[in-house]
Amino acid sequence: MDWNFGDMLDAVGAALGPEDPALIHGDRKIFWPEFTARTNRLARAFIALGARRGDKAGFYMRNQPEYMEAMAACFKASLSPVNVNYRYLDDELVYIIDNSDSTIVFFDAEFSAEVERVRARLPRVVAWVQIGGGGIAPFAQDYEALASTGDGSPIKGKRSGDDPFLLYTGGTTGMPKGVMWTHNIWREASMEGVRRLGGPVPENLDAHVQNALTVGRFSRQVPACPLMHGTGWFTAMGAMLNGGAVVTLTEKAKFSPVNLWDTVHANGVTSMAIVGDAFAKPMLQALDENPGRWNLSSVLNIVSSGVMWSAEVKQGLLRHIPQTALTDSFGASEAVGFGTSITTAEGGTQTSKFEIGPSCKVFTEDDREVLPGSGEPGFIARGGAVPLGYYKDPEKTAKTYKTINGMRYAIPGDWCMVEADGTITLLGRGSNCINTAGEKVYPEEVEEALKAHASVRDALVVGVPDDKWGQAVTAVVSLGGGASEDELRAFVQSRIARYKAPKRILFKDDLGRAPNGKADYKSIRAFALKELGLGA
């Protein structure tokens, strides 16, 4: 069957009633009939503003109901959503909106100043759509006016399961790359995991609607992590397509575990998405400090992806929510379903060990399949339902999406060992990419920002272990003039997103580059570990 998200939403929306919530944000609830009408109006408005089938739409906002609402409207109008990191500054914003060819950009009122600064550099954007605020910018369309006025009936016309959407992720140059998914590919990839767990897999639209009526409508899903990243986006999208409710946290600017547990208690939340210990540790601390404060009996699943989730924290959470399954999902923007690790009160697997996903293999650098128990490391590869590649980057696509023995695989670069029992142990990303609280930071971009300072002769950036962030961005700098650590950090934060700025900046006269200028990251990381007292 040709699975298009707009068709799925039309069918589910026609079946669900005024007591079925679609979006919840504090005291605000949008039920499915209203959600359906609002997204239909928005879809028509986007087309009237000049968007054409296949156009891209940038999403420059934090977690809020409008994120999912505008996404649903894009699917209905056959537009491709594009995630934009709300931490980006001017040049980064211009790059991602221009690179994605976005013709519509949704932005929250809090980012009006940033949009005002860059919009003249983006002439291909035909409409800037503002969400919230005391007044609408003179260059912008009023999102709420578009959603609440006009024809709310379904849009007629044929859509395709091959309609695309772009998930932007970091590239080896430090600039994001747009992974090209289609509705059919994403749906098939997500259903492989459901099949493996023995869940219902609808084979046609009628069966999908029936599944929404009997199962999906009772889901209350909180994306505790940002919707601008794949973990939050994909889990929330799955809940929405299946007729459930997406519940967003009212404290948007900074993660608050108390706000999360208040939201769970108030709304009977059944599942949530987080990114490792950066979320789980404060969640556990709040529970330990407030025993019995919240009714958490509704929580059935917490899924984490992007960084490792420590066993100790999982066990702590299970003391408070023993009925819950804690799921480590091993995936990437380039593909999902590499592996899964589930921990319950009855037990679980060690951190970084996963049951390998269907259609997955592990290959050496010369494309030999790694044998279980051989002790030979290799790259995890996912075949079957994988994206088309990177948008407008055939060279990068050819490196990541390879055909081996007649099968096309996504190989994002994660090193693994295959154990004798067939499980895999994740070793880490083969490149120098730093994963800090689920954010990908590439050293070259941070190094260039540091070297723009007049006092910096050279700089190298590595990741070091950190209990809170997973990895902490750490710079080693050679100075040609006077500059303090705080001064350099503030300088970097003025040029690139704050989360990319080094947590620590160390100083070293000679960074030990080879005669050809190649960096020795191994020795620099060893130096940083020693200086910080972290050991080898």
Protein backbone atom coordinates (compact mmCIF):
# COMPACT_ATOMS: atom_id res chain seq x y z
CA MET A 1 0.00 0.00 0.00
CA ASP A 2 1.04 3.60 -0.66
CA TRP A 3 1.18 5.18 2.81
CA ASN A 4 0.89 8.97 2.89
CA PHE A 5 0.76 10.75 6.25
CA GLY A 6 -1.82 13.25 5.01
CA ASP A 7 -4.15 10.40 4.03
CA MET A 8 -3.56 8.68 7.36
CA LEU A 9 -4.37 11.87 9.27
CA ASP A 10 -7.52 12.48 7.21
CA ALA A 11 -8.77 8.97 7.91
CA VAL A 12 -7.95 9.01 11.63
CA GLY A 13 -9.34 12.53 12.05
CA ALA A 14 -12.66 11.50 10.51
CA ALA A 15 -12.98 8.61 12.98
CA LEU A 16 -11.99 10.24 16.27
CA GLY A 17 -14.40 12.36 18.29
CA PRO A 18 -14.60 15.51 20.42
CA GLU A 19 -13.43 13.65 23.54
CA ASP A 20 -10.20 12.49 21.89
CA PRO A 21 -7.34 14.97 22.47
CA ALA A 22 -4.76 15.50 19.74
CA LEU A 23 -2.60 18.19 21.37
CA ILE A 24 -2.20 19.14 25.04
CA HIS A 25 -0.17 22.06 26.38
CA GLY A 26 -0.91 22.99 29.99
CA ASP A 27 -4.58 23.90 30.23
CA ARG A 28 -4.94 24.10 26.46
CA LYS A 29 -6.38 21.07 24.72
CA ILE A 30 -7.08 20.66 21.02
CA PHE A 31 -9.32 17.69 20.30
CA TRP A 32 -9.19 15.70 17.09
CA PRO A 33 -12.14 17.31 15.22
CA GLU A 34 -10.69 20.78 15.90
CA PHE A 35 -7.16 19.57 15.09
CA THR A 36 -8.41 18.19 11.78
CA ALA A 37 -10.18 21.42 10.81
CA ARG A 38 -7.26 23.63 11.84
CA THR A 39 -4.69 21.58 9.93
CA ASN A 40 -6.93 21.55 6.84
CA ARG A 41 -7.20 25.36 6.99
CA LEU A 42 -3.46 25.70 7.41
CA ALA A 43 -2.76 23.39 4.48
CA ARG A 44 -5.01 25.48 2.24
CA ALA A 45 -3.38 28.67 3.50
CA PHE A 46 0.12 27.43 2.74
CA ILE A 47 -0.89 26.70 -0.84
CA ALA A 48 -2.57 30.10 -1.15
CA LEU A 49 0.64 31.76 0.09
CA GLY A 50 2.53 30.27 -2.84
CA ALA A 51 3.82 26.91 -1.61
CA ARG A 52 3.75 24.20 -4.24
CA ARG A 53 3.67 20.43 -3.94
CA GLY A 54 7.09 19.19 -2.81
CA ASP A 55 8.19 22.56 -1.38
CA LYS A 56 10.05 22.65 1.93
CA ALA A 57 8.89 24.35 5.12
CA GLY A 58 11.30 25.30 7.92
CA PHE A 59 10.28 24.85 11.58
CA TYR A 60 12.06 27.40 13.76
CA MET A 61 10.43 26.99 17.17
CA ARG A 62 10.57 25.18 20.46
CA ASN A 63 8.25 22.37 21.53
CA GLN A 64 4.64 23.57 21.39
CA PRO A 65 1.32 22.43 19.87
CA GLU A 66 1.91 24.45 16.71
CA TYR A 67 4.92 22.30 15.88
CA MET A 68 2.82 19.17 15.39
CA GLU A 69 -0.12 21.10 13.96
CA ALA A 70 1.98 22.77 11.25
CA MET A 71 3.67 19.45 10.52
CA ALA A 72 0.31 17.74 9.97
CA ALA A 73 -0.76 20.61 7.71
CA CYS A 74 2.42 20.25 5.66
CA PHE A 75 1.73 16.57 5.15
CA LYS A 76 -1.80 17.37 4.00
CA ALA A 77 -0.49 20.03 1.57
CA SER A 78 2.25 17.65 0.30
CA LEU A 79 4.98 19.89 1.71
CA SER A 80 8.20 18.69 3.33
CA PRO A 81 8.84 19.76 6.95
CA VAL A 82 12.43 20.78 7.74
CA ASN A 83 13.70 20.86 11.32
CA VAL A 84 15.65 24.01 12.24
CA ASN A 85 17.73 24.08 15.41
CA TYR A 86 16.39 26.99 17.47
CA ARG A 87 19.85 27.53 18.93
CA TYR A 88 21.33 28.54 15.60
CA LEU A 89 22.60 32.05 14.97
CA ASP A 90 22.46 34.10 11.78
CA ASP A 91 24.83 32.29 9.41
CA GLU A 92 23.65 28.89 10.60
CA LEU A 93 20.01 29.87 10.06
CA VAL A 94 20.70 31.19 6.59
CA TYR A 95 22.58 28.03 5.68
CA ILE A 96 19.89 25.54 6.71
CA ILE A 97 16.93 27.51 5.30
CA ASP A 98 18.77 28.16 2.05
CA ASN A 99 20.25 24.66 1.75
CA SER A 100 16.84 23.06 2.28
CA ASP A 101 15.19 25.38 -0.29
CA SER A 102 12.50 26.24 2.25
CA THR A 103 9.79 28.50 0.81
CA ILE A 104 7.77 28.77 4.04
CA VAL A 105 9.28 29.25 7.50
CA PHE A 106 7.34 28.96 10.76
CA PHE A 107 8.94 30.87 13.61
CA ASP A 108 8.02 31.53 17.21
CA ALA A 109 7.64 35.18 18.21
CA GLU A 110 10.62 34.86 20.55
CA PHE A 111 12.84 34.50 17.47
CA SER A 112 11.48 37.55 15.63
CA ALA A 113 14.73 39.48 16.01
CA GLU A 114 16.76 36.63 14.53
CA VAL A 115 14.37 36.33 11.60
CA GLU A 116 14.44 40.09 11.01
CA ARG A 117 18.24 39.96 10.74
CA VAL A 118 18.40 37.12 8.20
CA ARG A 119 15.27 37.32 6.06
CA ALA A 120 16.79 39.68 3.48
CA ARG A 121 19.42 36.99 2.81
CA LEU A 122 16.70 34.44 2.05
CA PRO A 123 14.78 35.76 -0.97
CA ARG A 124 13.34 32.34 -1.86
CA VAL A 125 11.18 32.29 1.28
CA VAL A 126 7.71 33.34 0.09
CA ALA A 127 6.09 33.40 3.54
CA TRP A 128 7.28 33.85 7.13
CA VAL A 129 4.58 32.58 9.51
CA GLN A 130 4.72 33.90 13.09
CA ILE A 131 3.45 31.92 16.06
CA GLY A 132 2.39 33.84 19.16
CA GLY A 133 3.58 37.21 20.40
CA GLY A 134 1.85 40.44 21.28
CA GLY A 135 1.90 41.65 17.70
CA ILE A 136 2.65 40.15 14.30
CA ALA A 137 5.80 41.38 12.55
CA PRO A 138 4.96 43.46 9.46
CA PHE A 139 6.70 40.96 7.16
CA ALA A 140 4.95 37.90 8.67
CA GLN A 141 1.71 35.98 8.41
CA ASP A 142 -0.35 35.35 11.56
CA TYR A 143 -0.31 31.61 12.20
CA GLU A 144 -3.40 31.63 14.39
CA ALA A 145 -5.41 33.57 11.80
CA LEU A 146 -4.47 31.00 9.16
CA ALA A 147 -5.45 28.11 11.46
CA SER A 148 -8.76 29.51 12.66
CA THR A 149 -10.34 30.97 9.50
CA GLY A 150 -11.31 29.48 6.17
CA ASP A 151 -12.40 26.08 4.87
CA GLY A 152 -11.70 23.31 7.37
CA SER A 153 -12.78 20.40 5.16
CA PRO A 154 -10.25 17.87 3.84
CA ILE A 155 -8.20 18.81 0.79
CA LYS A 156 -9.13 16.80 -2.26
CA GLY A 157 -6.53 15.32 -4.57
CA LYS A 158 -4.09 12.43 -4.62
CA ARG A 159 -1.06 12.38 -2.37
CA SER A 160 1.87 10.00 -2.60
CA GLY A 161 3.66 7.77 -0.14
CA ASP A 162 6.83 8.95 -1.88
CA ASP A 163 6.28 12.50 -0.61
CA PRO A 164 9.54 13.49 1.14
CA PHE A 165 10.46 15.16 4.39
CA LEU A 166 13.90 16.28 5.50
CA LEU A 167 15.57 15.57 8.84
CA TYR A 168 18.67 17.73 9.16
CA THR A 169 21.64 16.34 11.01
CA GLY A 170 25.27 17.39 11.44
CA GLY A 171 27.64 16.83 8.52
CA THR A 172 31.36 16.09 8.50
CA THR A 173 32.07 19.72 7.64
CA GLY A 174 30.13 20.83 10.71
CA MET A 175 27.20 22.10 8.66
CA PRO A 176 23.94 20.12 8.74
CA LYS A 177 22.89 17.69 6.04
CA GLY A 178 19.26 16.94 5.21
CA VAL A 179 18.42 13.25 5.30
CA MET A 180 15.72 12.53 2.69
CA TRP A 181 12.98 10.33 4.12
CA THR A 182 9.70 9.48 2.41
CA HIS A 183 6.40 8.64 4.08
CA ASN A 184 6.55 5.05 2.81
CA ILE A 185 10.13 4.49 3.97
CA TRP A 186 9.58 5.94 7.44
CA ARG A 187 6.38 3.99 7.96
CA GLU A 188 7.97 0.69 6.90
CA ALA A 189 11.06 1.33 9.06
CA SER A 190 8.91 2.03 12.13
CA MET A 191 6.67 -0.97 11.50
CA GLU A 192 9.63 -3.39 11.44
CA GLY A 193 10.12 -2.82 15.15
CA VAL A 194 6.39 -3.25 15.82
CA ARG A 195 6.39 -6.56 13.95
CA ARG A 196 9.36 -7.77 15.95
CA LEU A 197 7.59 -7.02 19.23
CA GLY A 198 4.41 -8.73 18.05
CA GLY A 199 2.34 -5.57 17.82
CA PRO A 200 -0.46 -4.89 15.32
CA VAL A 201 0.73 -3.84 11.86
CA PRO A 202 -2.20 -2.51 9.78
CA GLU A 203 -2.05 -3.55 6.15
CA ASN A 204 -4.48 -0.94 4.83
CA LEU A 205 -6.03 2.39 5.82
CA ASP A 206 -9.18 0.84 7.29
CA ALA A 207 -7.09 -1.37 9.56
CA HIS A 208 -5.00 1.64 10.53
CA VAL A 209 -8.12 3.54 11.58
CA GLN A 210 -9.34 0.55 13.58
CA ASN A 211 -5.98 0.38 15.35
CA ALA A 212 -6.27 4.09 16.18
CA LEU A 213 -9.75 3.55 17.64
CA THR A 214 -8.78 0.56 19.77
CA VAL A 215 -5.18 1.39 20.78
CA GLY A 216 -3.74 4.62 19.43
CA ARG A 217 -6.31 7.05 20.81
CA PHE A 218 -5.30 6.18 24.37
CA SER A 219 -1.67 7.19 23.87
CA ARG A 220 -0.45 10.36 25.61
CA GLN A 221 3.09 11.01 24.42
CA VAL A 222 5.49 13.66 25.80
CA PRO A 223 8.53 14.61 23.72
CA ALA A 224 10.65 15.82 26.65
CA CYS A 225 13.54 16.34 24.25
CA PRO A 226 13.33 18.88 21.42
CA LEU A 227 11.01 18.18 18.50
CA MET A 228 13.72 19.69 16.29
CA HIS A 229 15.71 16.45 16.71
CA GLY A 230 14.82 13.04 15.34
CA THR A 231 14.14 11.38 18.71
CA GLY A 232 11.45 13.88 19.70
CA TRP A 233 10.10 14.40 16.17
CA PHE A 234 9.76 10.74 15.22
CA THR A 235 8.21 9.55 18.48
CA ALA A 236 5.70 12.42 18.49
CA MET A 237 4.91 11.88 14.82
CA GLY A 238 4.17 8.22 15.50
CA ALA A 239 1.74 9.12 18.28
CA MET A 240 0.00 11.70 16.07
CA LEU A 241 -0.36 9.40 13.06
CA ASN A 242 -1.87 6.71 15.27
CA GLY A 243 -4.54 8.97 16.75
CA GLY A 244 -2.96 9.69 20.10
CA ALA A 245 -2.21 12.96 21.87
CA VAL A 246 1.11 14.79 21.80
CA VAL A 247 1.64 16.52 25.15
CA THR A 248 4.18 19.37 25.20
CA LEU A 249 5.79 20.83 28.32
CA THR A 250 4.85 24.37 29.31
CA GLU A 251 8.41 25.26 30.34
CA LYS A 252 9.92 25.45 26.86
CA ALA A 253 13.21 27.26 27.31
CA LYS A 254 14.85 24.76 29.68
CA PHE A 255 14.06 21.20 30.65
CA SER A 256 12.35 21.04 34.04
CA PRO A 257 11.86 17.57 35.54
CA VAL A 258 9.22 18.93 37.93
CA ASN A 259 7.28 20.34 34.96
CA LEU A 260 7.59 16.95 33.26
CA TRP A 261 6.26 14.97 36.21
CA ASP A 262 3.51 17.55 36.82
CA THR A 263 2.49 17.09 33.18
CA VAL A 264 2.56 13.30 33.43
CA HIS A 265 0.43 13.41 36.59
CA ALA A 266 -2.12 15.85 35.15
CA ASN A 267 -2.59 14.14 31.79
CA GLY A 268 -2.10 10.42 32.36
CA VAL A 269 0.93 10.36 30.08
CA THR A 270 1.68 6.87 28.76
CA SER A 271 5.06 7.41 27.07
CA MET A 272 7.83 9.94 26.73
CA ALA A 273 11.01 10.50 24.73
CA ILE A 274 14.27 11.65 26.30
CA VAL A 275 17.97 11.77 25.41
CA GLY A 276 19.94 9.72 27.92
CA ASP A 277 21.17 10.76 31.34
CA ALA A 278 21.04 14.50 30.60
CA PHE A 279 17.27 14.10 31.01
CA ALA A 280 17.05 10.94 33.10
CA LYS A 281 19.31 12.07 35.95
CA PRO A 282 17.33 15.22 36.82
CA MET A 283 14.11 13.22 36.37
CA LEU A 284 15.32 10.70 38.94
CA GLN A 285 16.53 13.43 41.30
CA ALA A 286 13.09 15.07 41.26
CA LEU A 287 11.43 11.74 42.08
CA ASP A 288 13.88 11.00 44.88
CA GLU A 289 13.33 14.45 46.39
CA ASN A 290 9.54 14.26 46.13
CA PRO A 291 8.50 10.69 47.00
CA GLY A 292 4.81 10.04 46.32
CA ARG A 293 4.12 13.54 44.97
CA TRP A 294 2.98 12.37 41.53
CA ASN A 295 0.72 9.61 40.27
CA LEU A 296 2.84 7.98 37.58
CA SER A 297 0.88 4.75 37.16
CA SER A 298 -0.04 5.66 33.56
CA VAL A 299 3.58 5.61 32.31
CA LEU A 300 4.19 2.49 30.21
CA ASN A 301 7.31 3.39 28.26
CA ILE A 302 10.21 5.84 28.23
CA VAL A 303 12.36 5.77 25.12
CA SER A 304 15.82 7.28 24.85
CA SER A 305 17.98 7.68 21.78
CA GLY A 306 21.10 9.59 20.86
CA VAL A 307 23.34 8.88 23.88
CA MET A 308 23.85 6.10 26.36
CA TRP A 309 21.43 5.77 29.27
CA SER A 310 23.21 4.40 32.34
CA ALA A 311 21.97 1.28 34.09
CA GLU A 312 22.14 2.91 37.53
CA VAL A 313 19.76 5.69 36.52
CA LYS A 314 17.39 3.21 34.90
CA GLN A 315 17.22 1.18 38.09
CA GLY A 316 16.57 4.34 40.07
CA LEU A 317 13.65 5.30 37.83
CA LEU A 318 12.20 1.79 38.07
CA ARG A 319 12.02 2.16 41.86
CA HIS A 320 9.44 4.90 41.27
CA ILE A 321 7.74 3.61 38.10
CA PRO A 322 8.14 -0.20 38.26
CA GLN A 323 5.49 -0.85 35.59
CA THR A 324 7.47 1.03 32.94
CA ALA A 325 9.64 -0.35 30.14
CA LEU A 326 12.78 1.74 29.63
CA THR A 327 13.89 1.53 26.00
CA ASP A 328 17.28 2.45 24.58
CA SER A 329 16.73 2.91 20.85
CA PHE A 330 19.89 2.71 18.76
CA GLY A 331 19.27 4.74 15.64
CA ALA A 332 20.44 7.75 13.70
CA SER A 333 19.06 10.48 11.50
CA GLU A 334 20.32 8.40 8.57
CA ALA A 335 18.22 5.36 9.56
CA VAL A 336 16.26 3.94 12.48
CA GLY A 337 16.07 0.49 13.99
CA PHE A 338 19.73 -0.47 14.39
CA GLY A 339 19.06 -2.02 17.77
CA THR A 340 17.04 -1.93 20.95
CA SER A 341 17.75 -2.48 24.63
CA ILE A 342 14.77 -2.76 26.99
CA THR A 343 15.01 -2.64 30.78
CA THR A 344 12.11 -3.47 33.08
CA ALA A 345 11.75 -4.25 36.77
CA GLU A 346 12.42 -7.88 35.82
CA GLY A 347 15.82 -7.06 34.31
CA GLY A 348 17.59 -5.77 31.25
CA THR A 349 20.87 -5.58 29.37
CA GLN A 350 24.04 -3.69 30.18
CA THR A 351 24.58 -0.16 28.91
CA SER A 352 25.64 0.00 25.22
CA LYS A 353 24.50 -3.59 24.50
CA PHE A 354 21.65 -4.00 22.02
CA GLU A 355 19.53 -6.61 20.35
CA ILE A 356 20.35 -6.05 16.69
CA GLY A 357 17.48 -4.83 14.55
CA PRO A 358 15.99 -6.62 11.56
CA SER A 359 17.81 -6.01 8.27
CA CYS A 360 20.96 -5.00 10.18
CA LYS A 361 24.48 -6.32 9.82
CA VAL A 362 27.95 -5.26 10.96
CA PHE A 363 30.67 -4.81 8.35
CA THR A 364 34.39 -4.14 8.44
CA GLU A 365 35.87 -1.20 6.56
CA ASP A 366 36.48 -3.49 3.57
CA ASP A 367 32.82 -4.63 3.57
CA ARG A 368 33.30 -8.04 5.16
CA GLU A 369 30.52 -9.13 7.50
CA VAL A 370 31.70 -9.39 11.13
CA LEU A 371 31.15 -12.82 12.62
CA PRO A 372 29.52 -13.10 16.07
CA GLY A 373 32.09 -13.60 18.81
CA SER A 374 35.03 -12.86 16.52
CA GLY A 375 36.16 -9.85 18.54
CA GLU A 376 36.52 -7.88 15.33
CA PRO A 377 34.98 -4.40 15.37
CA GLY A 378 32.91 -3.10 12.48
CA PHE A 379 30.36 -0.55 11.37
CA ILE A 380 26.65 -1.13 12.02
CA ALA A 381 24.68 -1.15 8.77
CA ARG A 382 20.94 -1.03 8.27
CA GLY A 383 19.37 -2.41 5.09
CA GLY A 384 15.78 -2.43 3.89
CA ALA A 385 13.76 0.69 4.65
CA VAL A 386 16.45 3.39 4.63
CA PRO A 387 16.31 7.02 3.41
CA LEU A 388 17.11 8.12 -0.12
CA GLY A 389 20.28 9.90 0.95
CA TYR A 390 21.38 13.44 1.79
CA TYR A 391 19.63 16.35 0.12
CA LYS A 392 21.79 17.90 -2.61
CA ASP A 393 24.89 15.97 -1.50
CA PRO A 394 25.54 12.93 -3.71
CA GLU A 395 29.15 12.59 -2.51
CA LYS A 396 28.14 12.30 1.15
CA THR A 397 25.25 10.04 0.16
CA ALA A 398 27.60 7.62 -1.60
CA LYS A 399 29.79 7.39 1.52
CA THR A 400 26.95 6.73 3.96
CA TYR A 401 24.52 4.72 1.81
CA LYS A 402 26.46 1.82 0.31
CA THR A 403 25.44 -1.27 -1.63
CA ILE A 404 27.08 -4.43 -0.29
CA ASN A 405 26.34 -7.85 -1.78
CA GLY A 406 23.40 -6.41 -3.69
CA MET A 407 21.74 -4.78 -0.62
CA ARG A 408 21.66 -1.03 0.00
CA TYR A 409 22.65 -0.10 3.57
CA ALA A 410 22.76 3.02 5.70
CA ILE A 411 26.15 3.16 7.47
CA PRO A 412 26.36 6.35 9.56
CA GLY A 413 29.70 5.39 11.12
CA ASP A 414 28.99 3.75 14.49
CA TRP A 415 31.55 1.14 15.52
CA CYS A 416 30.21 -2.06 17.12
CA MET A 417 31.31 -5.47 18.31
CA VAL A 418 29.12 -8.50 17.58
CA GLU A 419 28.91 -10.74 20.62
CA ALA A 420 28.70 -14.53 20.45
CA ASP A 421 24.96 -14.40 21.19
CA GLY A 422 24.35 -12.07 18.24
CA THR A 423 23.85 -8.91 20.28
CA ILE A 424 25.96 -5.85 19.53
CA THR A 425 28.02 -3.65 21.82
CA LEU A 426 28.20 -0.04 20.67
CA LEU A 427 31.72 1.37 20.69
CA GLY A 428 31.05 4.88 19.43
CA ARG A 429 31.06 7.02 16.31
CA GLY A 430 34.09 6.40 14.16
CA SER A 431 34.55 10.06 13.27
CA ASN A 432 35.55 12.86 15.62
CA CYS A 433 31.93 13.84 16.13
CA ILE A 434 31.13 14.85 19.72
CA ASN A 435 27.73 13.81 21.06
CA THR A 436 26.79 16.16 23.88
CA ALA A 437 23.31 15.55 25.38
CA GLY A 438 22.10 14.28 22.01
CA GLU A 439 23.49 17.25 20.06
CA LYS A 440 26.11 16.52 17.42
CA VAL A 441 29.07 18.87 17.54
CA TYR A 442 31.83 18.63 14.96
CA PRO A 443 35.26 19.82 16.11
CA GLU A 444 36.14 21.68 12.92
CA GLU A 445 33.36 24.22 13.32
CA VAL A 446 34.26 25.02 16.94
CA GLU A 447 37.95 25.17 16.05
CA GLU A 448 37.28 27.70 13.31
CA ALA A 449 35.25 29.85 15.69
CA LEU A 450 38.09 29.81 18.23
CA LYS A 451 40.76 30.59 15.64
CA ALA A 452 38.84 33.69 14.57
CA HIS A 453 39.90 35.27 17.89
CA ALA A 454 42.95 37.47 17.46
CA SER A 455 44.83 35.82 20.34
CA VAL A 456 44.37 32.22 19.19
CA ARG A 457 47.13 30.67 17.07
CA ASP A 458 45.65 27.23 16.83
CA ALA A 459 42.86 25.17 18.38
CA LEU A 460 41.72 21.57 18.48
CA VAL A 461 38.46 20.31 19.97
CA VAL A 462 37.64 16.89 21.43
CA GLY A 463 34.94 15.27 23.53
CA VAL A 464 35.66 14.02 27.04
CA PRO A 465 33.42 11.87 29.27
CA ASP A 466 30.88 13.82 31.31
CA ASP A 467 28.21 12.51 33.69
CA LYS A 468 25.63 15.09 32.66
CA TRP A 469 26.27 15.60 28.94
CA GLY A 470 27.62 12.21 27.93
CA GLN A 471 30.50 14.03 26.27
CA ALA A 472 31.67 17.56 27.05
CA VAL A 473 33.06 19.74 24.28
CA THR A 474 36.65 20.54 25.30
CA ALA A 475 39.13 22.78 23.47
CA VAL A 476 42.91 22.82 23.60
CA VAL A 477 44.23 26.17 22.43
CA SER A 478 47.62 27.60 21.51
CA LEU A 479 47.74 31.32 22.24
CA GLY A 480 49.65 34.05 20.46
CA GLY A 481 48.40 36.74 22.81
CA GLY A 482 46.58 37.21 26.08
CA ALA A 483 43.09 35.71 26.44
CA SER A 484 41.26 33.98 29.28
CA GLU A 485 39.12 30.85 29.15
CA ASP A 486 35.96 32.86 29.89
CA GLU A 487 36.78 35.42 27.20
CA LEU A 488 37.31 32.76 24.55
CA ARG A 489 34.14 30.89 25.51
CA ALA A 490 32.08 34.07 25.27
CA PHE A 491 33.67 34.79 21.89
CA VAL A 492 32.69 31.37 20.55
CA GLN A 493 29.16 31.75 21.92
CA SER A 494 28.81 34.98 19.94
CA ARG A 495 29.59 33.18 16.68
CA ILE A 496 27.93 29.77 16.87
CA ALA A 497 25.19 28.10 18.92
CA ARG A 498 25.93 28.10 22.65
CA TYR A 499 25.74 24.32 23.04
CA LYS A 500 28.70 23.99 20.65
CA ALA A 501 30.93 26.20 22.78
CA PRO A 502 33.56 24.37 24.87
CA LYS A 503 32.66 23.56 28.44
CA ARG A 504 36.40 23.83 29.19
CA ILE A 505 39.28 25.49 27.31
CA LEU A 506 42.80 24.30 28.06
CA PHE A 507 46.06 25.87 26.94
CA LYS A 508 49.08 24.24 25.31
CA ASP A 509 51.96 25.86 23.41
CA ASP A 510 52.30 23.17 20.73
CA LEU A 511 49.28 21.18 19.58
CA GLY A 512 51.47 18.57 17.89
CA ARG A 513 50.18 18.77 14.35
CA ALA A 514 51.95 16.64 11.74
CA PRO A 515 54.08 18.42 9.11
CA ASN A 516 51.17 18.21 6.67
CA GLY A 517 48.96 20.03 9.17
CA LYS A 518 46.96 16.96 10.18
CA ALA A 519 45.73 17.04 13.77
CA ASP A 520 46.58 14.30 16.26
CA TYR A 521 43.26 14.17 18.08
CA LYS A 522 44.27 11.11 20.06
CA SER A 523 47.14 12.87 21.81
CA ILE A 524 45.11 16.05 22.29
CA ARG A 525 42.31 14.07 23.93
CA ALA A 526 44.86 12.31 26.18
CA PHE A 527 46.24 15.72 27.18
CA ALA A 528 42.76 17.00 27.98
CA LEU A 529 41.88 13.95 30.05
CA LYS A 530 45.09 14.30 32.06
CA GLU A 531 44.65 18.03 32.63
CA LEU A 532 41.07 17.51 33.78
CA GLY A 533 41.98 14.58 36.01
CA LEU A 534 39.78 12.14 34.13
CA GLY A 535 42.38 9.46 33.44
CA ALA A 536 42.97 7.78 30.09
